[in-house]
Protein backbone atom coordinates (compact mmCIF):
# COMPACT_ATOMS: atom_id res chain seq x y z
CA MET A 1 184.76 52.70 251.99
CA HIS A 2 185.86 55.40 254.43
CA ALA A 3 189.54 55.35 253.27
CA VAL A 4 189.03 54.87 249.59
CA LEU A 5 186.73 57.59 249.56
CA ASN A 6 188.84 59.89 251.47
CA GLN A 7 191.70 59.01 248.60
CA TRP A 8 189.03 59.80 246.05
CA LYS A 9 188.36 63.05 247.61
CA ALA A 10 191.92 64.09 247.95
CA ALA A 11 192.70 63.00 244.36
CA PHE A 12 189.73 64.90 243.12
CA ASP A 13 190.36 68.21 244.94
CA GLY A 14 193.67 68.41 243.74
CA HIS A 15 192.63 67.57 240.15
CA ARG A 16 195.12 64.55 239.96
CA PRO A 17 193.56 62.21 236.86
CA ASP A 18 196.52 59.56 237.17
CA ALA A 19 196.19 59.66 241.21
CA MET A 20 192.39 58.88 240.56
CA ALA A 21 192.75 56.48 237.96
CA GLU A 22 195.08 54.19 240.37
CA LEU A 23 192.01 54.13 242.67
CA PHE A 24 189.78 51.74 240.07
CA THR A 25 190.39 48.32 239.34
CA PRO A 26 192.16 47.73 235.42
CA ASP A 27 188.35 46.58 234.57
CA ALA A 28 186.43 49.00 236.22
CA LEU A 29 183.21 50.00 235.38
CA PHE A 30 182.45 54.14 235.53
CA GLN A 31 179.50 56.13 235.03
CA GLY A 32 179.77 59.56 235.74
CA PHE A 33 177.59 62.63 234.66
CA GLY A 34 177.29 61.12 231.15
CA PRO A 35 174.87 58.67 230.08
CA VAL A 36 177.43 55.87 229.09
CA VAL A 37 179.20 53.65 231.21
CA VAL A 38 183.09 53.24 230.43
CA SER A 39 185.41 50.77 231.29
CA GLY A 40 188.90 50.81 232.40
CA ARG A 41 191.52 53.23 234.04
CA ASP A 42 192.45 55.03 230.81
CA ALA A 43 188.56 56.02 230.41
CA VAL A 44 188.45 56.90 234.11
CA ARG A 45 191.85 59.16 233.35
CA ASP A 46 190.57 60.71 230.48
CA TYR A 47 187.01 61.54 232.59
CA TYR A 48 188.72 63.19 235.37
CA GLU A 49 191.03 65.16 233.12
CA ALA A 50 188.04 66.80 231.86
CA VAL A 51 186.66 68.17 234.83
CA ALA A 52 187.51 71.61 235.75
CA ALA A 53 190.74 72.00 238.29
CA ASP A 54 188.76 74.08 240.45
CA ARG A 55 186.03 71.73 241.66
CA SER A 56 186.06 69.99 245.10
CA ALA A 57 183.83 67.51 246.36
CA ASP A 58 182.29 67.11 249.48
CA VAL A 59 181.54 63.38 250.46
CA THR A 60 179.20 61.44 253.12
CA VAL A 61 179.02 58.04 253.36
CA LEU A 62 175.49 56.81 254.06
CA HIS A 63 175.91 53.07 254.16
CA THR A 64 178.73 50.55 253.52
CA TYR A 65 178.51 46.57 253.55
CA SER A 66 180.60 43.57 252.34
CA LEU A 67 180.07 40.57 250.64
CA GLY A 68 182.82 38.65 251.80
CA GLU A 69 186.22 39.10 252.58
CA ASP A 70 187.38 40.66 249.38
CA VAL A 71 184.25 42.62 247.71
CA ALA A 72 182.49 45.53 249.58
CA GLY A 73 180.11 48.33 248.78
CA GLY A 74 178.41 51.29 249.66
CA PHE A 75 176.56 55.14 249.20
CA ALA A 76 177.59 58.22 249.66
CA ASP A 77 176.13 61.64 249.21
CA VAL A 78 178.46 64.07 247.19
CA THR A 79 178.14 67.83 246.69
CA PHE A 80 180.58 69.06 243.53
CA SER A 81 181.18 72.57 244.03
CA ASP A 82 183.79 75.27 242.51
CA PRO A 83 184.57 79.03 243.87
CA SER A 84 181.85 80.76 241.19
CA GLY A 85 178.88 79.02 243.34
CA TRP A 86 178.52 75.93 240.97
CA GLU A 87 177.04 73.49 242.99
CA VAL A 88 175.85 69.97 242.43
CA LYS A 89 174.40 67.00 244.57
CA VAL A 90 174.93 63.36 243.61
CA HIS A 91 173.97 60.30 245.16
CA MET A 92 177.25 57.85 244.77
CA SER A 93 177.18 54.27 244.58
CA LEU A 94 180.44 51.94 244.71
CA VAL A 95 181.87 48.28 244.62
CA LEU A 96 184.96 47.81 245.79
CA ARG A 97 187.59 44.83 245.40
CA HIS A 98 190.21 43.76 247.72
CA THR A 99 193.35 42.99 245.58
CA ASP A 100 197.34 42.98 246.21
CA GLY A 101 196.36 44.31 249.57
CA ARG A 102 194.45 47.37 248.94
CA TRP A 103 191.15 48.29 248.41
CA GLN A 104 189.81 49.43 244.69
CA ILE A 105 186.80 50.71 242.82
CA ARG A 106 185.67 47.98 240.56
CA GLN A 107 182.02 49.63 239.87
CA TYR A 108 181.30 53.71 240.29
CA HIS A 109 178.11 55.41 239.56
CA VAL A 110 176.55 58.92 240.53
CA SER A 111 173.15 59.93 239.47
CA ARG A 112 172.01 63.70 240.06
CA VAL A 113 169.84 64.53 243.20
CA ALA A 114 166.74 66.39 241.56
CA ALA A 115 166.85 69.90 243.03
CA GLN A 116 164.13 70.47 245.81
CA ASP A 117 161.65 73.70 245.09
């Protein structure tokens, strides 16, 4: 989980949509900030292509688990930000699948953390 999220962060911070898409399985399910769940690497690439290039992500892994040798999952807190001071905090959940000698993201979901007064 830590290695995959380190790669995800590097690709996100570097605004590299193709590298982002390669972290996902070909049939990945993906739900970012939008209400629609999309599927596949092309949809993932399109999503990250639309993200502003100056945004970055700070990731804290909270919990990981495994379901056998080839499936794992976990939860993280992520803070997205940009140089203007824009910031959004989310909870992220992932399901990973180990295929062809590497871990890839099979399912990705984020939900915004409500602002605290």
